[in-house]
Amino acid sequence: MPAPTSDRLSDQLMHLLRSRQAKNSSSTICPSEVPRSLEKAGEIAPGTWRQHMDEVRAMVFRLRDEGVVEVLQQGQVVSVPLEEVTGPIRVRLTGA
């Protein structure tokens, strides 16, 4: 089973964010939902979703720097670089 491309991960991230926002404008997702959903769909091998987390987190922070998403910890927007963030994060589209 081939690994998903960066484009596929990015597409899935945006799909999940838009779907969640359509239900509730302030809804967030955990970045792990991206590879987990691809695993559930059979697009990545079972048990390998964690291998994609560094790429997904980097993608999230690039989108944050472009003003597309907000990164939150404990409900508060995080403005520090990825390297300074420890612990779980949540993501939402801007404008929520």
C-alpha atoms as a PDB file:
ATOM      1  CA  MET A   1       0.000   0.000   0.000  1.00  0.00           C
ATOM      2  CA  PRO A   2       1.632   3.303  -1.050  1.00  0.00           C
ATOM      3  CA  ALA A   3       2.046   6.127   1.422  1.00  0.00           C
ATOM      4  CA  PRO A   4      -0.264   9.096   0.915  1.00  0.00           C
ATOM      5  CA  THR A   5       1.279  12.074  -0.800  1.00  0.00           C
ATOM      6  CA  SER A   6       1.591  15.440   0.884  1.00  0.00           C
ATOM      7  CA  ASP A   7      -1.190  16.646  -1.405  1.00  0.00           C
ATOM      8  CA  ARG A   8      -3.480  13.839  -0.209  1.00  0.00           C
ATOM      9  CA  LEU A   9      -2.754  14.640   3.426  1.00  0.00           C
ATOM     10  CA  SER A  10      -3.378  18.332   2.758  1.00  0.00           C
ATOM     11  CA  ASP A  11      -6.615  17.609   0.893  1.00  0.00           C
ATOM     12  CA  GLN A  12      -7.842  15.433   3.751  1.00  0.00           C
ATOM     13  CA  LEU A  13      -6.906  18.063   6.334  1.00  0.00           C
ATOM     14  CA  MET A  14      -8.898  20.734   4.506  1.00  0.00           C
ATOM     15  CA  HIS A  15     -11.815  18.347   3.931  1.00  0.00           C
ATOM     16  CA  LEU A  16     -12.037  17.534   7.637  1.00  0.00           C
ATOM     17  CA  LEU A  17     -11.754  21.194   8.651  1.00  0.00           C
ATOM     18  CA  ARG A  18     -14.451  22.316   6.207  1.00  0.00           C
ATOM     19  CA  SER A  19     -16.765  19.455   7.154  1.00  0.00           C
ATOM     20  CA  ARG A  20     -16.411  20.249  10.836  1.00  0.00           C
ATOM     21  CA  GLN A  21     -16.853  23.989  10.270  1.00  0.00           C
ATOM     22  CA  ALA A  22     -20.042  23.362   8.286  1.00  0.00           C
ATOM     23  CA  LYS A  23     -21.529  21.701  11.373  1.00  0.00           C
ATOM     24  CA  ASN A  24     -20.227  24.234  13.895  1.00  0.00           C
ATOM     25  CA  SER A  25     -18.166  27.297  12.983  1.00  0.00           C
ATOM     26  CA  SER A  26     -15.958  27.013  16.066  1.00  0.00           C
ATOM     27  CA  SER A  27     -15.322  23.264  15.768  1.00  0.00           C
ATOM     28  CA  THR A  28     -11.778  21.970  15.850  1.00  0.00           C
ATOM     29  CA  ILE A  29     -10.010  18.807  14.805  1.00  0.00           C
ATOM     30  CA  CYS A  30      -7.026  16.976  16.187  1.00  0.00           C
ATOM     31  CA  PRO A  31      -4.280  16.693  13.547  1.00  0.00           C
ATOM     32  CA  SER A  32      -4.234  12.930  14.130  1.00  0.00           C
ATOM     33  CA  GLU A  33      -7.701  12.736  12.562  1.00  0.00           C
ATOM     34  CA  VAL A  34      -6.086  13.279   9.145  1.00  0.00           C
ATOM     35  CA  PRO A  35      -3.967  10.108   8.928  1.00  0.00           C
ATOM     36  CA  ARG A  36      -6.449   8.145  11.053  1.00  0.00           C
ATOM     37  CA  SER A  37      -9.238   8.873   8.569  1.00  0.00           C
ATOM     38  CA  LEU A  38      -6.998   7.817   5.676  1.00  0.00           C
ATOM     39  CA  GLU A  39      -6.164   4.620   7.554  1.00  0.00           C
ATOM     40  CA  LYS A  40      -9.867   3.942   8.117  1.00  0.00           C
ATOM     41  CA  ALA A  41     -10.507   4.489   4.389  1.00  0.00           C
ATOM     42  CA  GLY A  42      -7.786   1.980   3.552  1.00  0.00           C
ATOM     43  CA  GLU A  43      -5.482   4.591   2.010  1.00  0.00           C
ATOM     44  CA  ILE A  44      -2.662   3.877   4.449  1.00  0.00           C
ATOM     45  CA  ALA A  45      -1.640   0.605   6.042  1.00  0.00           C
ATOM     46  CA  PRO A  46      -3.253  -0.324   9.352  1.00  0.00           C
ATOM     47  CA  GLY A  47      -1.285   0.883  12.352  1.00  0.00           C
ATOM     48  CA  THR A  48       0.872   3.359  10.404  1.00  0.00           C
ATOM     49  CA  TRP A  49      -1.011   6.621  10.947  1.00  0.00           C
ATOM     50  CA  ARG A  50       1.524   7.857  13.539  1.00  0.00           C
ATOM     51  CA  GLN A  51       4.248   7.810  10.875  1.00  0.00           C
ATOM     52  CA  HIS A  52       2.476  10.729   9.176  1.00  0.00           C
ATOM     53  CA  MET A  53       2.057  12.957  12.219  1.00  0.00           C
ATOM     54  CA  ASP A  54       5.239  15.029  11.827  1.00  0.00           C
ATOM     55  CA  GLU A  55       4.244  15.909   8.282  1.00  0.00           C
ATOM     56  CA  VAL A  56       0.665  16.726   9.264  1.00  0.00           C
ATOM     57  CA  ARG A  57       1.745  18.917  12.199  1.00  0.00           C
ATOM     58  CA  ALA A  58       4.228  20.779   9.966  1.00  0.00           C
ATOM     59  CA  MET A  59       1.463  21.258   7.403  1.00  0.00           C
ATOM     60  CA  VAL A  60      -0.858  22.653  10.078  1.00  0.00           C
ATOM     61  CA  PHE A  61       1.726  25.192  11.200  1.00  0.00           C
ATOM     62  CA  ARG A  62       2.441  26.272   7.598  1.00  0.00           C
ATOM     63  CA  LEU A  63      -1.281  26.851   7.115  1.00  0.00           C
ATOM     64  CA  ARG A  64      -1.368  28.783  10.372  1.00  0.00           C
ATOM     65  CA  ASP A  65       1.482  30.996   9.169  1.00  0.00           C
ATOM     66  CA  GLU A  66      -0.488  31.597   5.943  1.00  0.00           C
ATOM     67  CA  GLY A  67      -3.546  32.639   7.970  1.00  0.00           C
ATOM     68  CA  VAL A  68      -5.677  29.673   6.881  1.00  0.00           C
ATOM     69  CA  VAL A  69      -6.023  27.934  10.264  1.00  0.00           C
ATOM     70  CA  GLU A  70      -5.651  28.606  13.955  1.00  0.00           C
ATOM     71  CA  VAL A  71      -3.789  26.253  16.275  1.00  0.00           C
ATOM     72  CA  LEU A  72      -5.161  25.915  19.792  1.00  0.00           C
ATOM     73  CA  GLN A  73      -4.076  24.386  23.079  1.00  0.00           C
ATOM     74  CA  GLN A  74      -6.534  24.208  25.946  1.00  0.00           C
ATOM     75  CA  GLY A  75      -8.883  26.439  23.936  1.00  0.00           C
ATOM     76  CA  GLN A  76      -6.332  29.224  23.469  1.00  0.00           C
ATOM     77  CA  VAL A  77      -4.784  30.257  20.147  1.00  0.00           C
ATOM     78  CA  VAL A  78      -1.089  29.354  19.979  1.00  0.00           C
ATOM     79  CA  SER A  79       1.262  31.751  18.211  1.00  0.00           C
ATOM     80  CA  VAL A  80       4.637  30.152  18.944  1.00  0.00           C
ATOM     81  CA  PRO A  81       6.572  28.074  16.376  1.00  0.00           C
ATOM     82  CA  LEU A  82       5.948  24.345  16.032  1.00  0.00           C
ATOM     83  CA  GLU A  83       9.249  23.557  17.740  1.00  0.00           C
ATOM     84  CA  GLU A  84       8.050  25.295  20.924  1.00  0.00           C
ATOM     85  CA  VAL A  85       4.711  23.487  21.162  1.00  0.00           C
ATOM     86  CA  THR A  86       4.455  20.482  23.426  1.00  0.00           C
ATOM     87  CA  GLY A  87       1.372  18.429  24.034  1.00  0.00           C
ATOM     88  CA  PRO A  88      -1.866  18.052  22.122  1.00  0.00           C
ATOM     89  CA  ILE A  89      -3.151  20.711  19.761  1.00  0.00           C
ATOM     90  CA  ARG A  90      -6.450  21.356  18.010  1.00  0.00           C
ATOM     91  CA  VAL A  91      -6.937  23.078  14.651  1.00  0.00           C
ATOM     92  CA  ARG A  92      -9.738  25.141  13.131  1.00  0.00           C
ATOM     93  CA  LEU A  93     -10.218  27.291  10.082  1.00  0.00           C
ATOM     94  CA  THR A  94      -9.711  31.003  10.717  1.00  0.00           C
ATOM     95  CA  GLY A  95     -12.704  33.219  11.208  1.00  0.00           C
ATOM     96  CA  ALA A  96     -14.347  30.975  13.797  1.00  0.00           C
END
